[in-house]
C-alpha atoms as a PDB file:
ATOM      1  CA  MET A   1    -258.885-203.151 137.885  1.00  0.00           C
ATOM      2  CA  PRO A   2    -260.245-205.815 135.634  1.00  0.00           C
ATOM      3  CA  TRP A   3    -258.611-209.225 135.490  1.00  0.00           C
ATOM      4  CA  TRP A   4    -257.319-208.806 131.896  1.00  0.00           C
ATOM      5  CA  THR A   5    -255.244-205.866 133.068  1.00  0.00           C
ATOM      6  CA  TRP A   6    -253.507-208.112 135.581  1.00  0.00           C
ATOM      7  CA  VAL A   7    -252.979-210.760 132.875  1.00  0.00           C
ATOM      8  CA  ALA A   8    -251.540-208.151 130.497  1.00  0.00           C
ATOM      9  CA  LEU A   9    -249.353-206.778 133.288  1.00  0.00           C
ATOM     10  CA  GLY A  10    -248.142-210.336 134.075  1.00  0.00           C
ATOM     11  CA  ILE A  11    -247.355-210.981 130.423  1.00  0.00           C
ATOM     12  CA  PHE A  12    -245.486-207.662 130.268  1.00  0.00           C
ATOM     13  CA  VAL A  13    -243.454-208.472 133.381  1.00  0.00           C
ATOM     14  CA  ALA A  14    -242.723-212.010 132.098  1.00  0.00           C
ATOM     15  CA  SER A  15    -241.560-210.648 128.742  1.00  0.00           C
ATOM     16  CA  LEU A  16    -239.501-207.997 130.550  1.00  0.00           C
ATOM     17  CA  VAL A  17    -237.811-210.695 132.675  1.00  0.00           C
ATOM     18  CA  ALA A  18    -237.262-212.862 129.575  1.00  0.00           C
ATOM     19  CA  ALA A  19    -235.733-209.909 127.723  1.00  0.00           C
ATOM     20  CA  GLY A  20    -233.479-209.223 130.697  1.00  0.00           C
ATOM     21  CA  VAL A  21    -232.296-212.855 130.778  1.00  0.00           C
ATOM     22  CA  ILE A  22    -231.672-212.794 127.036  1.00  0.00           C
ATOM     23  CA  ALA A  23    -229.779-209.515 127.362  1.00  0.00           C
ATOM     24  CA  LEU A  24    -227.686-210.970 130.196  1.00  0.00           C
ATOM     25  CA  LEU A  25    -226.870-214.065 128.127  1.00  0.00           C
ATOM     26  CA  ALA A  26    -226.007-211.842 125.155  1.00  0.00           C
ATOM     27  CA  LEU A  27    -223.658-209.754 127.307  1.00  0.00           C
ATOM     28  CA  ARG A  28    -221.936-212.901 128.592  1.00  0.00           C
ATOM     29  CA  SER A  29    -221.473-214.212 125.077  1.00  0.00           C
ATOM     30  CA  LEU A  30    -220.143-210.826 123.959  1.00  0.00           C
ATOM     31  CA  ASN A  31    -217.630-210.897 126.831  1.00  0.00           C
ATOM     32  CA  ARG A  32    -216.547-214.379 125.767  1.00  0.00           C
ATOM     33  CA  LEU A  33    -216.267-213.242 122.169  1.00  0.00           C
ATOM     34  CA  GLN A  34    -214.209-210.255 123.272  1.00  0.00           C
ATOM     35  CA  SER A  35    -211.788-212.493 125.173  1.00  0.00           C
ATOM     36  CA  VAL A  36    -211.541-214.814 122.164  1.00  0.00           C
ATOM     37  CA  GLY A  37    -210.908-211.766 119.969  1.00  0.00           C
ATOM     38  CA  GLU A  38    -208.135-210.599 122.284  1.00  0.00           C
ATOM     39  CA  ARG A  39    -206.528-214.046 122.228  1.00  0.00           C
ATOM     40  CA  LEU A  40    -206.793-214.090 118.442  1.00  0.00           C
ATOM     41  CA  THR A  41    -205.170-210.663 118.269  1.00  0.00           C
ATOM     42  CA  VAL A  42    -202.271-211.842 120.409  1.00  0.00           C
ATOM     43  CA  ALA A  43    -201.932-215.003 118.323  1.00  0.00           C
ATOM     44  CA  LEU A  44    -201.978-212.999 115.087  1.00  0.00           C
ATOM     45  CA  GLU A  45    -199.327-210.613 116.401  1.00  0.00           C
ATOM     46  CA  ASP A  46    -197.182-213.599 117.368  1.00  0.00           C
ATOM     47  CA  LEU A  47    -197.757-215.117 113.944  1.00  0.00           C
ATOM     48  CA  ALA A  48    -196.771-211.845 112.274  1.00  0.00           C
ATOM     49  CA  ALA A  49    -193.562-211.697 114.324  1.00  0.00           C
ATOM     50  CA  LYS A  50    -192.718-215.291 113.412  1.00  0.00           C
ATOM     51  CA  SER A  51    -193.509-214.556 109.783  1.00  0.00           C
ATOM     52  CA  GLU A  52    -191.128-211.588 109.780  1.00  0.00           C
ATOM     53  CA  GLU A  53    -188.412-213.718 111.390  1.00  0.00           C
ATOM     54  CA  LEU A  54    -188.975-216.428 108.800  1.00  0.00           C
ATOM     55  CA  GLU A  55    -188.754-213.838 106.041  1.00  0.00           C
ATOM     56  CA  ARG A  56    -185.443-212.537 107.419  1.00  0.00           C
ATOM     57  CA  SER A  57    -184.158-216.102 107.696  1.00  0.00           C
ATOM     58  CA  ALA A  58    -185.157-216.835 104.091  1.00  0.00           C
ATOM     59  CA  GLU A  59    -183.407-213.650 102.990  1.00  0.00           C
ATOM     60  CA  ARG A  60    -180.211-214.675 104.815  1.00  0.00           C
ATOM     61  CA  ALA A  61    -180.418-218.148 103.262  1.00  0.00           C
ATOM     62  CA  SER A  62    -180.855-216.605  99.825  1.00  0.00           C
ATOM     63  CA  MET A  63    -177.774-214.442 100.350  1.00  0.00           C
ATOM     64  CA  ARG A  64    -175.808-217.511 101.454  1.00  0.00           C
ATOM     65  CA  VAL A  65    -176.889-219.394  98.335  1.00  0.00           C
ATOM     66  CA  GLU A  66    -175.829-216.455  96.174  1.00  0.00           C
ATOM     67  CA  SER A  67    -172.450-216.311  97.882  1.00  0.00           C
ATOM     68  CA  ALA A  68    -171.987-220.081  97.513  1.00  0.00           C
ATOM     69  CA  GLU A  69    -172.893-220.162  93.818  1.00  0.00           C
ATOM     70  CA  PRO A  70    -169.419-219.038  92.559  1.00  0.00           C
ATOM     71  CA  ARG A  71    -167.833-221.716  94.734  1.00  0.00           C
ATOM     72  CA  PHE A  72    -170.059-224.351  93.171  1.00  0.00           C
ATOM     73  CA  ASP A  73    -169.105-223.089  89.719  1.00  0.00           C
ATOM     74  CA  HIS A  74    -165.439-223.359  90.651  1.00  0.00           C
ATOM     75  CA  LEU A  75    -166.097-226.844  92.038  1.00  0.00           C
ATOM     76  CA  ARG A  76    -167.740-227.902  88.749  1.00  0.00           C
ATOM     77  CA  VAL A  77    -164.741-226.646  86.762  1.00  0.00           C
ATOM     78  CA  THR A  78    -162.380-228.443  89.118  1.00  0.00           C
ATOM     79  CA  LEU A  79    -164.432-231.647  88.831  1.00  0.00           C
ATOM     80  CA  ASP A  80    -164.267-231.410  85.030  1.00  0.00           C
ATOM     81  CA  ARG A  81    -160.486-231.019  85.202  1.00  0.00           C
ATOM     82  CA  PHE A  82    -160.272-233.928  87.628  1.00  0.00           C
ATOM     83  CA  SER A  83    -162.295-236.170  85.325  1.00  0.00           C
ATOM     84  CA  VAL A  84    -159.993-235.280  82.411  1.00  0.00           C
ATOM     85  CA  LEU A  85    -156.939-236.017  84.550  1.00  0.00           C
ATOM     86  CA  THR A  86    -158.463-239.292  85.741  1.00  0.00           C
ATOM     87  CA  TRP A  87    -159.154-240.290  82.141  1.00  0.00           C
ATOM     88  CA  ALA A  88    -155.576-239.360  81.161  1.00  0.00           C
ATOM     89  CA  LEU A  89    -154.133-241.274  84.105  1.00  0.00           C
ATOM     90  CA  GLY A  90    -156.142-244.358  83.105  1.00  0.00           C
ATOM     91  CA  ASP A  91    -154.921-243.988  79.527  1.00  0.00           C
ATOM     92  CA  VAL A  92    -151.297-243.663  80.683  1.00  0.00           C
ATOM     93  CA  ALA A  93    -151.681-246.694  82.956  1.00  0.00           C
ATOM     94  CA  LYS A  94    -153.023-248.684  80.021  1.00  0.00           C
ATOM     95  CA  THR A  95    -150.130-247.528  77.798  1.00  0.00           C
ATOM     96  CA  VAL A  96    -147.563-248.368  80.505  1.00  0.00           C
ATOM     97  CA  GLY A  97    -149.116-251.796  80.851  1.00  0.00           C
ATOM     98  CA  GLN A  98    -148.877-252.345  77.114  1.00  0.00           C
ATOM     99  CA  LEU A  99    -145.238-251.168  77.072  1.00  0.00           C
ATOM    100  CA  ARG A 100    -144.380-253.367  80.013  1.00  0.00           C
ATOM    101  CA  SER A 101    -145.917-256.397  78.373  1.00  0.00           C
ATOM    102  CA  ALA A 102    -144.103-255.611  75.118  1.00  0.00           C
ATOM    103  CA  VAL A 103    -140.715-255.082  76.782  1.00  0.00           C
ATOM    104  CA  LEU A 104    -140.822-257.914  79.275  1.00  0.00           C
ATOM    105  CA  VAL A 105    -139.735-261.232  77.964  1.00  0.00           C
ATOM    106  CA  ARG A 106    -142.318-263.895  78.188  1.00  0.00           C
ATOM    107  CA  LYS A 107    -141.233-267.169  79.581  1.00  0.00           C
END
């Protein structure tokens, strides 16, 4: 066999070995990517579960706010009444003070 056949055969074997190494490295990286993908899937499932729980919690909070709204309305009405009564009590106290000063003899 001529020498260029051996050179061509050597180049072929070297490229075959290089392709094998590259294929091995690609398989390793694909395995790593697969494990990362599995971890991401687990994390996304966990995130979805937490999201559903948060949604249920927000729904319960919304129902509590709706049930508390009439109580706040009643509280506002009561506060308005209280402010009117406080104003009236202050007015009566002022009137009583004026009557007391008018009735009491000054020395």
